[in-house]
Amino acid sequence: MFKVERLGTWGVIILTTIYLILINTFFEYVINREVNSTIQIVVALIALAYTIFTLKLIVNLVYNFIKKEEKND
């Protein structure tokens, strides 16, 4: 979907900030309130997928940064 090389550091930072805002909203409205269990399960799976996506972006960014540093040495 997104590649770290195209996004750059600021793109990953912005997407991570958006992720934190959305996950906070998810916990506020879906987990902490009375919501139908089917809706909770579906939204929780979407949140899990988005969490995995965000973690992959962050790990790829760190890996590329380390690889770049080793190449310069």
C-alpha atoms as a PDB file:
ATOM      1  CA  MET A   1       0.000   0.000   0.000  1.00  0.00           C
ATOM      2  CA  PHE A   2       2.424   2.688   1.201  1.00  0.00           C
ATOM      3  CA  LYS A   3       6.171   2.409   0.881  1.00  0.00           C
ATOM      4  CA  VAL A   4       8.417   4.037   3.434  1.00  0.00           C
ATOM      5  CA  GLU A   5      10.739   5.372   0.730  1.00  0.00           C
ATOM      6  CA  ARG A   6       7.869   7.356  -0.773  1.00  0.00           C
ATOM      7  CA  LEU A   7       6.440   8.525   2.540  1.00  0.00           C
ATOM      8  CA  GLY A   8       9.651   9.578   4.184  1.00  0.00           C
ATOM      9  CA  THR A   9      10.077  10.259   7.863  1.00  0.00           C
ATOM     10  CA  TRP A  10       7.456  12.995   8.070  1.00  0.00           C
ATOM     11  CA  GLY A  11       4.849  10.847   6.316  1.00  0.00           C
ATOM     12  CA  VAL A  12       5.323   8.063   8.835  1.00  0.00           C
ATOM     13  CA  ILE A  13       5.159  10.563  11.711  1.00  0.00           C
ATOM     14  CA  ILE A  14       1.911  12.034  10.362  1.00  0.00           C
ATOM     15  CA  LEU A  15       0.353   8.593   9.812  1.00  0.00           C
ATOM     16  CA  THR A  16       1.398   7.533  13.323  1.00  0.00           C
ATOM     17  CA  THR A  17      -0.188  10.667  14.787  1.00  0.00           C
ATOM     18  CA  ILE A  18      -3.407   9.964  12.885  1.00  0.00           C
ATOM     19  CA  TYR A  19      -3.254   6.387  14.160  1.00  0.00           C
ATOM     20  CA  LEU A  20      -2.966   7.545  17.772  1.00  0.00           C
ATOM     21  CA  ILE A  21      -5.931   9.895  17.381  1.00  0.00           C
ATOM     22  CA  LEU A  22      -8.078   7.190  15.772  1.00  0.00           C
ATOM     23  CA  ILE A  23      -7.157   4.521  18.321  1.00  0.00           C
ATOM     24  CA  ASN A  24      -7.998   6.956  21.131  1.00  0.00           C
ATOM     25  CA  THR A  25     -11.396   7.585  19.510  1.00  0.00           C
ATOM     26  CA  PHE A  26     -11.878   3.838  19.094  1.00  0.00           C
ATOM     27  CA  PHE A  27     -11.315   3.209  22.793  1.00  0.00           C
ATOM     28  CA  GLU A  28     -13.504   6.145  23.791  1.00  0.00           C
ATOM     29  CA  TYR A  29     -16.558   5.289  21.684  1.00  0.00           C
ATOM     30  CA  VAL A  30     -16.401   1.547  21.049  1.00  0.00           C
ATOM     31  CA  ILE A  31     -14.732  -0.012  24.064  1.00  0.00           C
ATOM     32  CA  ASN A  32     -15.831   2.300  26.897  1.00  0.00           C
ATOM     33  CA  ARG A  33     -19.500   2.594  25.908  1.00  0.00           C
ATOM     34  CA  GLU A  34     -22.398   0.257  25.384  1.00  0.00           C
ATOM     35  CA  VAL A  35     -22.144  -0.877  21.759  1.00  0.00           C
ATOM     36  CA  ASN A  36     -23.499  -3.927  19.985  1.00  0.00           C
ATOM     37  CA  SER A  37     -21.008  -6.782  20.299  1.00  0.00           C
ATOM     38  CA  THR A  38     -20.976  -7.421  16.544  1.00  0.00           C
ATOM     39  CA  ILE A  39     -19.976  -3.823  15.882  1.00  0.00           C
ATOM     40  CA  GLN A  40     -17.310  -4.063  18.585  1.00  0.00           C
ATOM     41  CA  ILE A  41     -15.792  -7.173  17.018  1.00  0.00           C
ATOM     42  CA  VAL A  42     -15.753  -5.749  13.484  1.00  0.00           C
ATOM     43  CA  VAL A  43     -14.264  -2.415  14.540  1.00  0.00           C
ATOM     44  CA  ALA A  44     -11.735  -4.186  16.771  1.00  0.00           C
ATOM     45  CA  LEU A  45     -10.550  -6.261  13.802  1.00  0.00           C
ATOM     46  CA  ILE A  46     -10.214  -3.105  11.698  1.00  0.00           C
ATOM     47  CA  ALA A  47      -8.251  -1.458  14.515  1.00  0.00           C
ATOM     48  CA  LEU A  48      -6.012  -4.531  14.746  1.00  0.00           C
ATOM     49  CA  ALA A  49      -5.307  -4.431  11.002  1.00  0.00           C
ATOM     50  CA  TYR A  50      -4.512  -0.706  11.191  1.00  0.00           C
ATOM     51  CA  THR A  51      -2.218  -1.338  14.155  1.00  0.00           C
ATOM     52  CA  ILE A  52      -0.295  -3.986  12.216  1.00  0.00           C
ATOM     53  CA  PHE A  53      -0.045  -1.643   9.212  1.00  0.00           C
ATOM     54  CA  THR A  54       1.307   1.179  11.365  1.00  0.00           C
ATOM     55  CA  LEU A  55       3.818  -1.074  13.117  1.00  0.00           C
ATOM     56  CA  LYS A  56       5.079  -2.329   9.742  1.00  0.00           C
ATOM     57  CA  LEU A  57       5.586   1.247   8.577  1.00  0.00           C
ATOM     58  CA  ILE A  58       7.529   2.164  11.706  1.00  0.00           C
ATOM     59  CA  VAL A  59       9.690  -0.975  11.594  1.00  0.00           C
ATOM     60  CA  ASN A  60      10.459  -0.431   7.889  1.00  0.00           C
ATOM     61  CA  LEU A  61      11.401   3.184   8.566  1.00  0.00           C
ATOM     62  CA  VAL A  62      13.780   2.201  11.378  1.00  0.00           C
ATOM     63  CA  TYR A  63      15.230  -0.651   9.297  1.00  0.00           C
ATOM     64  CA  ASN A  64      15.853   1.630   6.317  1.00  0.00           C
ATOM     65  CA  PHE A  65      17.421   4.257   8.575  1.00  0.00           C
ATOM     66  CA  ILE A  66      19.782   1.690  10.126  1.00  0.00           C
ATOM     67  CA  LYS A  67      20.635   0.255   6.711  1.00  0.00           C
ATOM     68  CA  LYS A  68      21.422   3.751   5.422  1.00  0.00           C
ATOM     69  CA  GLU A  69      23.686   4.440   8.423  1.00  0.00           C
ATOM     70  CA  GLU A  70      25.590   1.174   7.924  1.00  0.00           C
ATOM     71  CA  LYS A  71      26.018   1.918   4.230  1.00  0.00           C
ATOM     72  CA  ASN A  72      27.545   5.335   4.999  1.00  0.00           C
ATOM     73  CA  ASP A  73      30.108   3.877   7.415  1.00  0.00           C
END
